[in-house]
Amino acid sequence: MDYLKTTLRVAFVFIILAAFVEVPYAAVIIAVLGLATGLQRDSGDLIRTIVIAIGLSVAAGALDAIPVAGEYLTAILGNAAALAAASSIGVLLKFSWEQAGV
């Protein structure tokens, strides 16, 4: 069973759901899911994950001007940016652990 794909699917469903419905502690849940995906990734994905986090953060603010759907698209991309940022922290922790030789 591929736990990374399963975790990513759950995370994507949650970030879309959280854009439309008020979910208590959504930021904490997104951070935990992001850390879980980051720790499952290969440490070679560190730069790619950081670039995705930065790109999603920039893109999230640009879609707010779209009428009606802009608010939801901004929320979805903002949640995805938070997920990617937490994932990059997870990959960085895994990379640091491997470099320490523990």
C-alpha atoms as a PDB file:
ATOM      1  CA  MET A   1       0.000   0.000   0.000  1.00  0.00           C
ATOM      2  CA  ASP A   2       1.314   3.422  -0.948  1.00  0.00           C
ATOM      3  CA  TYR A   3       0.832   5.549   2.163  1.00  0.00           C
ATOM      4  CA  LEU A   4       2.111   8.748   0.517  1.00  0.00           C
ATOM      5  CA  LYS A   5      -0.561   8.699  -2.189  1.00  0.00           C
ATOM      6  CA  THR A   6      -3.265   7.872   0.337  1.00  0.00           C
ATOM      7  CA  THR A   7      -2.167  10.685   2.642  1.00  0.00           C
ATOM      8  CA  LEU A   8      -2.059  13.129  -0.268  1.00  0.00           C
ATOM      9  CA  ARG A   9      -5.550  12.133  -1.399  1.00  0.00           C
ATOM     10  CA  VAL A  10      -6.946  12.623   2.101  1.00  0.00           C
ATOM     11  CA  ALA A  11      -5.140  15.972   2.335  1.00  0.00           C
ATOM     12  CA  PHE A  12      -6.494  17.197  -1.011  1.00  0.00           C
ATOM     13  CA  VAL A  13     -10.042  16.235  -0.124  1.00  0.00           C
ATOM     14  CA  PHE A  14      -9.657  18.009   3.205  1.00  0.00           C
ATOM     15  CA  ILE A  15      -8.226  21.257   1.779  1.00  0.00           C
ATOM     16  CA  ILE A  16     -11.079  21.464  -0.722  1.00  0.00           C
ATOM     17  CA  LEU A  17     -13.647  20.683   1.960  1.00  0.00           C
ATOM     18  CA  ALA A  18     -12.138  23.268   4.308  1.00  0.00           C
ATOM     19  CA  ALA A  19     -12.537  25.943   1.617  1.00  0.00           C
ATOM     20  CA  PHE A  20     -16.317  25.499   1.561  1.00  0.00           C
ATOM     21  CA  VAL A  21     -17.124  24.434   5.141  1.00  0.00           C
ATOM     22  CA  GLU A  22     -15.938  25.888   8.448  1.00  0.00           C
ATOM     23  CA  VAL A  23     -13.782  23.173   9.996  1.00  0.00           C
ATOM     24  CA  PRO A  24     -12.527  23.652  13.556  1.00  0.00           C
ATOM     25  CA  TYR A  25      -8.747  23.410  13.816  1.00  0.00           C
ATOM     26  CA  ALA A  26      -8.408  23.178  10.034  1.00  0.00           C
ATOM     27  CA  ALA A  27      -4.940  24.747  10.107  1.00  0.00           C
ATOM     28  CA  VAL A  28      -3.708  22.178  12.623  1.00  0.00           C
ATOM     29  CA  ILE A  29      -5.152  19.302  10.590  1.00  0.00           C
ATOM     30  CA  ILE A  30      -3.550  20.655   7.409  1.00  0.00           C
ATOM     31  CA  ALA A  31      -0.207  21.043   9.204  1.00  0.00           C
ATOM     32  CA  VAL A  32      -0.325  17.456  10.504  1.00  0.00           C
ATOM     33  CA  LEU A  33      -1.252  16.100   7.071  1.00  0.00           C
ATOM     34  CA  GLY A  34       1.546  18.178   5.518  1.00  0.00           C
ATOM     35  CA  LEU A  35       4.115  16.898   7.982  1.00  0.00           C
ATOM     36  CA  ALA A  36       2.933  13.345   7.351  1.00  0.00           C
ATOM     37  CA  THR A  37       3.375  13.728   3.603  1.00  0.00           C
ATOM     38  CA  GLY A  38       6.739  15.429   4.025  1.00  0.00           C
ATOM     39  CA  LEU A  39       8.109  12.682   6.226  1.00  0.00           C
ATOM     40  CA  GLN A  40       7.047  10.086   3.645  1.00  0.00           C
ATOM     41  CA  ARG A  41       8.706  11.869   0.733  1.00  0.00           C
ATOM     42  CA  ASP A  42      12.208  11.233  -0.512  1.00  0.00           C
ATOM     43  CA  SER A  43      14.709  13.755   0.851  1.00  0.00           C
ATOM     44  CA  GLY A  44      15.675  14.587  -2.726  1.00  0.00           C
ATOM     45  CA  ASP A  45      12.302  16.295  -3.107  1.00  0.00           C
ATOM     46  CA  LEU A  46      13.286  19.091  -0.711  1.00  0.00           C
ATOM     47  CA  ILE A  47      13.858  21.860  -3.253  1.00  0.00           C
ATOM     48  CA  ARG A  48      10.829  20.865  -5.343  1.00  0.00           C
ATOM     49  CA  THR A  49       8.573  20.893  -2.285  1.00  0.00           C
ATOM     50  CA  ILE A  50       9.808  24.330  -1.182  1.00  0.00           C
ATOM     51  CA  VAL A  51       9.308  25.766  -4.685  1.00  0.00           C
ATOM     52  CA  ILE A  52       5.764  24.342  -4.812  1.00  0.00           C
ATOM     53  CA  ALA A  53       4.986  25.929  -1.427  1.00  0.00           C
ATOM     54  CA  ILE A  54       6.248  29.326  -2.587  1.00  0.00           C
ATOM     55  CA  GLY A  55       4.439  29.079  -5.933  1.00  0.00           C
ATOM     56  CA  LEU A  56       1.124  28.162  -4.313  1.00  0.00           C
ATOM     57  CA  SER A  57       1.461  31.036  -1.844  1.00  0.00           C
ATOM     58  CA  VAL A  58       1.991  33.519  -4.658  1.00  0.00           C
ATOM     59  CA  ALA A  59      -0.770  32.086  -6.848  1.00  0.00           C
ATOM     60  CA  ALA A  60      -3.328  32.037  -4.031  1.00  0.00           C
ATOM     61  CA  GLY A  61      -3.381  35.813  -3.742  1.00  0.00           C
ATOM     62  CA  ALA A  62      -3.746  36.386  -7.478  1.00  0.00           C
ATOM     63  CA  LEU A  63      -7.089  34.599  -7.864  1.00  0.00           C
ATOM     64  CA  ASP A  64      -9.060  36.697  -5.404  1.00  0.00           C
ATOM     65  CA  ALA A  65     -10.175  39.112  -8.128  1.00  0.00           C
ATOM     66  CA  ILE A  66     -12.229  36.477  -9.969  1.00  0.00           C
ATOM     67  CA  PRO A  67     -15.927  37.123  -9.319  1.00  0.00           C
ATOM     68  CA  VAL A  68     -17.828  34.530  -7.247  1.00  0.00           C
ATOM     69  CA  ALA A  69     -15.266  31.718  -7.504  1.00  0.00           C
ATOM     70  CA  GLY A  70     -12.224  33.771  -6.515  1.00  0.00           C
ATOM     71  CA  GLU A  71     -12.912  33.506  -2.804  1.00  0.00           C
ATOM     72  CA  TYR A  72     -13.092  29.712  -2.948  1.00  0.00           C
ATOM     73  CA  LEU A  73     -10.106  29.347  -5.279  1.00  0.00           C
ATOM     74  CA  THR A  74      -8.053  31.556  -2.975  1.00  0.00           C
ATOM     75  CA  ALA A  75      -9.060  29.443   0.034  1.00  0.00           C
ATOM     76  CA  ILE A  76      -8.237  26.183  -1.779  1.00  0.00           C
ATOM     77  CA  LEU A  77      -4.830  27.417  -2.955  1.00  0.00           C
ATOM     78  CA  GLY A  78      -4.124  28.958   0.442  1.00  0.00           C
ATOM     79  CA  ASN A  79      -4.843  25.627   2.107  1.00  0.00           C
ATOM     80  CA  ALA A  80      -2.700  23.854  -0.492  1.00  0.00           C
ATOM     81  CA  ALA A  81       0.121  26.325   0.190  1.00  0.00           C
ATOM     82  CA  ALA A  82      -0.125  25.594   3.920  1.00  0.00           C
ATOM     83  CA  LEU A  83      -0.046  21.864   3.176  1.00  0.00           C
ATOM     84  CA  ALA A  84       3.011  22.262   0.935  1.00  0.00           C
ATOM     85  CA  ALA A  85       4.785  24.439   3.523  1.00  0.00           C
ATOM     86  CA  ALA A  86       4.221  21.833   6.242  1.00  0.00           C
ATOM     87  CA  SER A  87       5.303  19.125   3.811  1.00  0.00           C
ATOM     88  CA  SER A  88       8.535  20.992   3.069  1.00  0.00           C
ATOM     89  CA  ILE A  89       9.211  21.188   6.805  1.00  0.00           C
ATOM     90  CA  GLY A  90       8.675  17.415   7.023  1.00  0.00           C
ATOM     91  CA  VAL A  91      11.071  16.784   4.137  1.00  0.00           C
ATOM     92  CA  LEU A  92      13.610  19.132   5.730  1.00  0.00           C
ATOM     93  CA  LEU A  93      13.355  17.284   9.048  1.00  0.00           C
ATOM     94  CA  LYS A  94      13.803  13.937   7.294  1.00  0.00           C
ATOM     95  CA  PHE A  95      16.789  15.290   5.331  1.00  0.00           C
ATOM     96  CA  SER A  96      18.383  16.660   8.522  1.00  0.00           C
ATOM     97  CA  TRP A  97      17.826  13.345  10.293  1.00  0.00           C
ATOM     98  CA  GLU A  98      19.498  11.453   7.447  1.00  0.00           C
ATOM     99  CA  GLN A  99      22.424  13.889   7.357  1.00  0.00           C
ATOM    100  CA  ALA A 100      22.956  13.448  11.096  1.00  0.00           C
ATOM    101  CA  GLY A 101      23.477   9.751  10.462  1.00  0.00           C
ATOM    102  CA  VAL A 102      21.060   8.649  13.113  1.00  0.00           C
END
